[in-house]
Amino acid sequence: MAFIYHITTKQDWNAAKEKGFYTASSLETEGFIHCSEQQQIKGVLERYYQGKTNLLNLAIDPQKLRSELKYELAPSVNENFPHVYGPINLDAVVNVEEI
């Protein structure tokens, strides 16, 4: 299975390293962490992160995730996106890249 990706801030990633797992505010408000496939990253950055700095792209190995992963339709763009229903364990994050 291919990696999935999550955009976050350096601050949130540093907090995750201290806690031992990663969460996003959407986990509390929507019940899952938004992720994307590689070909979806550009569109996500254009729609939600224009003008923002200190961003990181987390590459996540779905086979290492301890939380449930579901692909669900985002009607606004008519595409299926990966959603992680729980915290992301740090050993599932296989690469961290500055954007």
N, C-alpha and C. Protein backbone atom coordinates (compact mmCIF):
# COMPACT_ATOMS: atom_id res chain seq x y z
N MET A 1 0.84 -1.18 0.00
CA MET A 1 0.00 0.00 0.00
C MET A 1 0.89 1.25 0.00
N ALA A 2 0.50 2.26 -0.75
CA ALA A 2 1.27 3.50 -0.85
C ALA A 2 1.15 4.31 0.43
N PHE A 3 2.11 5.18 0.64
CA PHE A 3 2.06 6.07 1.79
C PHE A 3 0.89 7.04 1.65
N ILE A 4 0.43 7.55 2.80
CA ILE A 4 -0.51 8.66 2.82
C ILE A 4 0.22 9.84 3.45
N TYR A 5 -0.34 11.03 3.31
CA TYR A 5 0.37 12.24 3.72
C TYR A 5 -0.53 13.15 4.54
N HIS A 6 0.11 13.89 5.46
CA HIS A 6 -0.62 14.85 6.28
C HIS A 6 0.22 16.11 6.40
N ILE A 7 -0.40 17.25 6.15
CA ILE A 7 0.27 18.54 6.28
C ILE A 7 0.05 19.04 7.71
N THR A 8 1.13 19.50 8.33
CA THR A 8 1.03 20.04 9.69
C THR A 8 2.05 21.15 9.85
N THR A 9 2.06 21.76 11.02
CA THR A 9 3.04 22.80 11.31
C THR A 9 4.21 22.20 12.08
N LYS A 10 5.33 22.89 12.03
CA LYS A 10 6.49 22.44 12.81
C LYS A 10 6.14 22.40 14.30
N GLN A 11 5.38 23.38 14.76
CA GLN A 11 4.98 23.44 16.17
C GLN A 11 4.17 22.21 16.56
N ASP A 12 3.18 21.84 15.74
CA ASP A 12 2.36 20.67 16.06
C ASP A 12 3.16 19.38 16.00
N TRP A 13 4.11 19.29 15.07
CA TRP A 13 4.94 18.09 14.97
C TRP A 13 5.86 17.98 16.19
N ASN A 14 6.43 19.11 16.61
CA ASN A 14 7.29 19.08 17.79
C ASN A 14 6.50 18.67 19.03
N ALA A 15 5.26 19.14 19.15
CA ALA A 15 4.40 18.75 20.27
C ALA A 15 4.12 17.25 20.22
N ALA A 16 3.92 16.72 19.02
CA ALA A 16 3.66 15.28 18.87
C ALA A 16 4.86 14.46 19.33
N LYS A 17 6.05 14.91 18.99
CA LYS A 17 7.25 14.18 19.40
C LYS A 17 7.38 14.16 20.92
N GLU A 18 6.95 15.23 21.58
CA GLU A 18 6.98 15.26 23.04
C GLU A 18 5.93 14.34 23.65
N LYS A 19 4.74 14.28 23.04
CA LYS A 19 3.63 13.45 23.55
C LYS A 19 3.82 11.98 23.22
N GLY A 20 4.49 11.71 22.09
CA GLY A 20 4.67 10.33 21.66
C GLY A 20 3.66 9.88 20.62
N PHE A 21 2.78 10.78 20.18
CA PHE A 21 1.80 10.50 19.13
C PHE A 21 1.33 11.82 18.54
N TYR A 22 0.77 11.76 17.34
CA TYR A 22 0.32 12.97 16.65
C TYR A 22 -1.21 13.02 16.62
N THR A 23 -1.75 14.19 16.92
CA THR A 23 -3.18 14.44 16.74
C THR A 23 -3.33 15.78 16.03
N ALA A 24 -4.50 16.00 15.47
CA ALA A 24 -4.83 17.28 14.83
C ALA A 24 -6.15 17.75 15.43
N SER A 25 -6.41 19.03 15.34
CA SER A 25 -7.66 19.56 15.90
C SER A 25 -8.88 18.91 15.26
N SER A 26 -8.76 18.48 14.02
CA SER A 26 -9.90 17.83 13.34
C SER A 26 -10.28 16.51 14.00
N LEU A 27 -9.36 15.88 14.72
CA LEU A 27 -9.69 14.63 15.41
C LEU A 27 -10.78 14.90 16.45
N GLU A 28 -10.67 16.03 17.12
CA GLU A 28 -11.67 16.39 18.13
C GLU A 28 -12.95 16.93 17.48
N THR A 29 -12.80 17.76 16.45
CA THR A 29 -13.98 18.42 15.86
C THR A 29 -14.72 17.55 14.84
N GLU A 30 -13.98 16.69 14.12
CA GLU A 30 -14.61 15.89 13.06
C GLU A 30 -14.50 14.38 13.30
N GLY A 31 -13.66 13.98 14.23
CA GLY A 31 -13.52 12.57 14.55
C GLY A 31 -12.41 11.86 13.80
N PHE A 32 -11.66 12.60 12.97
CA PHE A 32 -10.57 11.98 12.21
C PHE A 32 -9.53 13.02 11.84
N ILE A 33 -8.36 12.52 11.41
CA ILE A 33 -7.28 13.37 10.92
C ILE A 33 -7.28 13.30 9.40
N HIS A 34 -7.35 14.46 8.77
CA HIS A 34 -7.35 14.54 7.30
C HIS A 34 -5.97 14.16 6.75
N CYS A 35 -5.96 13.29 5.77
CA CYS A 35 -4.72 12.94 5.06
C CYS A 35 -5.01 12.99 3.56
N SER A 36 -4.00 12.73 2.77
CA SER A 36 -4.19 12.71 1.33
C SER A 36 -3.21 11.73 0.70
N GLU A 37 -3.49 11.40 -0.54
CA GLU A 37 -2.54 10.62 -1.33
C GLU A 37 -1.57 11.60 -1.97
N GLN A 38 -0.46 11.10 -2.48
CA GLN A 38 0.58 11.98 -3.01
C GLN A 38 0.05 12.95 -4.07
N GLN A 39 -0.76 12.46 -4.99
CA GLN A 39 -1.25 13.31 -6.08
C GLN A 39 -2.26 14.35 -5.60
N GLN A 40 -2.74 14.25 -4.36
CA GLN A 40 -3.72 15.19 -3.81
C GLN A 40 -3.07 16.32 -3.02
N ILE A 41 -1.79 16.21 -2.72
CA ILE A 41 -1.12 17.18 -1.85
C ILE A 41 -1.18 18.59 -2.43
N LYS A 42 -0.88 18.73 -3.71
CA LYS A 42 -0.85 20.05 -4.33
C LYS A 42 -2.19 20.77 -4.16
N GLY A 43 -3.29 20.08 -4.42
CA GLY A 43 -4.61 20.68 -4.28
C GLY A 43 -4.93 21.04 -2.85
N VAL A 44 -4.54 20.19 -1.91
CA VAL A 44 -4.77 20.47 -0.48
C VAL A 44 -4.00 21.73 -0.08
N LEU A 45 -2.75 21.84 -0.49
CA LEU A 45 -1.96 23.03 -0.17
C LEU A 45 -2.60 24.29 -0.76
N GLU A 46 -3.07 24.20 -1.99
CA GLU A 46 -3.69 25.37 -2.64
C GLU A 46 -5.00 25.76 -1.96
N ARG A 47 -5.80 24.78 -1.54
CA ARG A 47 -7.11 25.08 -0.94
C ARG A 47 -7.02 25.55 0.51
N TYR A 48 -6.10 24.98 1.28
CA TYR A 48 -6.14 25.20 2.73
C TYR A 48 -4.91 25.86 3.35
N TYR A 49 -3.81 25.95 2.62
CA TYR A 49 -2.57 26.41 3.26
C TYR A 49 -1.89 27.57 2.54
N GLN A 50 -2.60 28.27 1.66
CA GLN A 50 -1.99 29.38 0.93
C GLN A 50 -1.50 30.44 1.90
N GLY A 51 -0.26 30.87 1.71
CA GLY A 51 0.31 31.92 2.53
C GLY A 51 0.80 31.47 3.90
N LYS A 52 0.64 30.20 4.23
CA LYS A 52 1.09 29.71 5.54
C LYS A 52 2.53 29.23 5.44
N THR A 53 3.24 29.38 6.54
CA THR A 53 4.66 29.00 6.58
C THR A 53 4.89 27.98 7.69
N ASN A 54 6.12 27.52 7.78
CA ASN A 54 6.53 26.52 8.79
C ASN A 54 5.72 25.23 8.68
N LEU A 55 5.46 24.82 7.46
CA LEU A 55 4.67 23.61 7.22
C LEU A 55 5.57 22.40 6.98
N LEU A 56 5.07 21.26 7.39
CA LEU A 56 5.73 19.98 7.15
C LEU A 56 4.75 19.02 6.48
N ASN A 57 5.29 18.13 5.68
CA ASN A 57 4.50 17.07 5.07
C ASN A 57 4.94 15.75 5.70
N LEU A 58 4.02 15.12 6.42
CA LEU A 58 4.32 13.83 7.06
C LEU A 58 3.96 12.70 6.11
N ALA A 59 4.91 11.83 5.82
CA ALA A 59 4.64 10.62 5.04
C ALA A 59 4.35 9.50 6.03
N ILE A 60 3.19 8.88 5.87
CA ILE A 60 2.70 7.88 6.83
C ILE A 60 2.55 6.53 6.14
N ASP A 61 3.08 5.50 6.77
CA ASP A 61 2.93 4.14 6.26
C ASP A 61 1.63 3.56 6.83
N PRO A 62 0.60 3.38 6.01
CA PRO A 62 -0.69 2.88 6.51
C PRO A 62 -0.59 1.53 7.21
N GLN A 63 0.38 0.72 6.81
CA GLN A 63 0.52 -0.61 7.41
C GLN A 63 0.99 -0.53 8.86
N LYS A 64 1.60 0.59 9.23
CA LYS A 64 2.10 0.75 10.60
C LYS A 64 1.12 1.49 11.51
N LEU A 65 0.07 2.06 10.93
CA LEU A 65 -0.91 2.81 11.72
C LEU A 65 -1.62 1.90 12.71
N ARG A 66 -1.79 2.39 13.93
CA ARG A 66 -2.56 1.64 14.92
C ARG A 66 -4.02 2.07 14.92
N SER A 67 -4.29 3.30 14.47
CA SER A 67 -5.67 3.78 14.38
C SER A 67 -6.27 3.37 13.04
N GLU A 68 -7.59 3.36 13.00
CA GLU A 68 -8.31 2.95 11.79
C GLU A 68 -8.14 3.96 10.66
N LEU A 69 -7.95 3.46 9.45
CA LEU A 69 -7.83 4.27 8.25
C LEU A 69 -9.02 3.97 7.35
N LYS A 70 -9.71 5.03 6.93
CA LYS A 70 -10.84 4.89 6.00
C LYS A 70 -10.67 5.87 4.86
N TYR A 71 -11.03 5.44 3.66
CA TYR A 71 -11.08 6.35 2.52
C TYR A 71 -12.51 6.81 2.37
N GLU A 72 -12.69 8.13 2.35
CA GLU A 72 -14.04 8.68 2.29
C GLU A 72 -14.11 9.82 1.28
N LEU A 73 -15.29 9.98 0.71
CA LEU A 73 -15.51 10.98 -0.32
C LEU A 73 -15.54 12.38 0.28
N ALA A 74 -14.80 13.29 -0.35
CA ALA A 74 -14.89 14.72 -0.05
C ALA A 74 -15.73 15.32 -1.17
N PRO A 75 -17.01 15.57 -0.91
CA PRO A 75 -17.91 16.03 -1.98
C PRO A 75 -17.46 17.33 -2.65
N SER A 76 -16.77 18.20 -1.92
CA SER A 76 -16.37 19.50 -2.50
C SER A 76 -15.44 19.34 -3.70
N VAL A 77 -14.67 18.25 -3.73
CA VAL A 77 -13.75 18.01 -4.85
C VAL A 77 -14.02 16.67 -5.53
N ASN A 78 -15.03 15.96 -5.04
CA ASN A 78 -15.43 14.67 -5.60
C ASN A 78 -14.26 13.68 -5.69
N GLU A 79 -13.51 13.58 -4.58
CA GLU A 79 -12.38 12.65 -4.50
C GLU A 79 -12.43 11.93 -3.16
N ASN A 80 -11.91 10.71 -3.14
CA ASN A 80 -11.77 9.97 -1.89
C ASN A 80 -10.45 10.34 -1.24
N PHE A 81 -10.51 10.64 0.05
CA PHE A 81 -9.32 10.99 0.82
C PHE A 81 -9.17 10.02 1.99
N PRO A 82 -7.92 9.73 2.38
CA PRO A 82 -7.68 8.90 3.56
C PRO A 82 -7.92 9.70 4.83
N HIS A 83 -8.65 9.11 5.76
CA HIS A 83 -8.92 9.71 7.08
C HIS A 83 -8.46 8.74 8.16
N VAL A 84 -7.74 9.24 9.13
CA VAL A 84 -7.24 8.42 10.23
C VAL A 84 -8.12 8.69 11.46
N TYR A 85 -8.80 7.65 11.93
CA TYR A 85 -9.74 7.76 13.04
C TYR A 85 -9.06 7.47 14.37
N GLY A 86 -8.19 8.36 14.77
CA GLY A 86 -7.48 8.24 16.03
C GLY A 86 -6.12 8.88 15.89
N PRO A 87 -5.33 8.86 16.96
CA PRO A 87 -4.00 9.45 16.90
C PRO A 87 -3.09 8.67 15.94
N ILE A 88 -2.11 9.35 15.42
CA ILE A 88 -1.12 8.71 14.55
C ILE A 88 0.10 8.38 15.40
N ASN A 89 0.41 7.09 15.49
CA ASN A 89 1.61 6.67 16.22
C ASN A 89 2.85 7.12 15.44
N LEU A 90 3.84 7.61 16.16
CA LEU A 90 5.01 8.22 15.53
C LEU A 90 5.80 7.25 14.66
N ASP A 91 5.80 5.97 15.00
CA ASP A 91 6.57 5.02 14.17
C ASP A 91 5.90 4.77 12.82
N ALA A 92 4.67 5.24 12.62
CA ALA A 92 4.04 5.14 11.31
C ALA A 92 4.47 6.27 10.38
N VAL A 93 5.05 7.33 10.96
CA VAL A 93 5.53 8.46 10.17
C VAL A 93 6.94 8.13 9.70
N VAL A 94 7.08 7.86 8.41
CA VAL A 94 8.35 7.36 7.88
C VAL A 94 9.23 8.45 7.27
N ASN A 95 8.64 9.64 7.05
CA ASN A 95 9.42 10.74 6.52
C ASN A 95 8.74 12.06 6.88
N VAL A 96 9.54 13.07 7.16
CA VAL A 96 9.03 14.41 7.46
C VAL A 96 9.78 15.36 6.54
N GLU A 97 9.02 16.10 5.74
CA GLU A 97 9.63 16.97 4.73
C GLU A 97 9.12 18.39 4.90
N GLU A 98 10.02 19.36 4.87
CA GLU A 98 9.61 20.76 4.91
C GLU A 98 8.97 21.15 3.61
N ILE A 99 7.95 21.99 3.71
CA ILE A 99 7.25 22.48 2.51
C ILE A 99 7.68 23.92 2.27
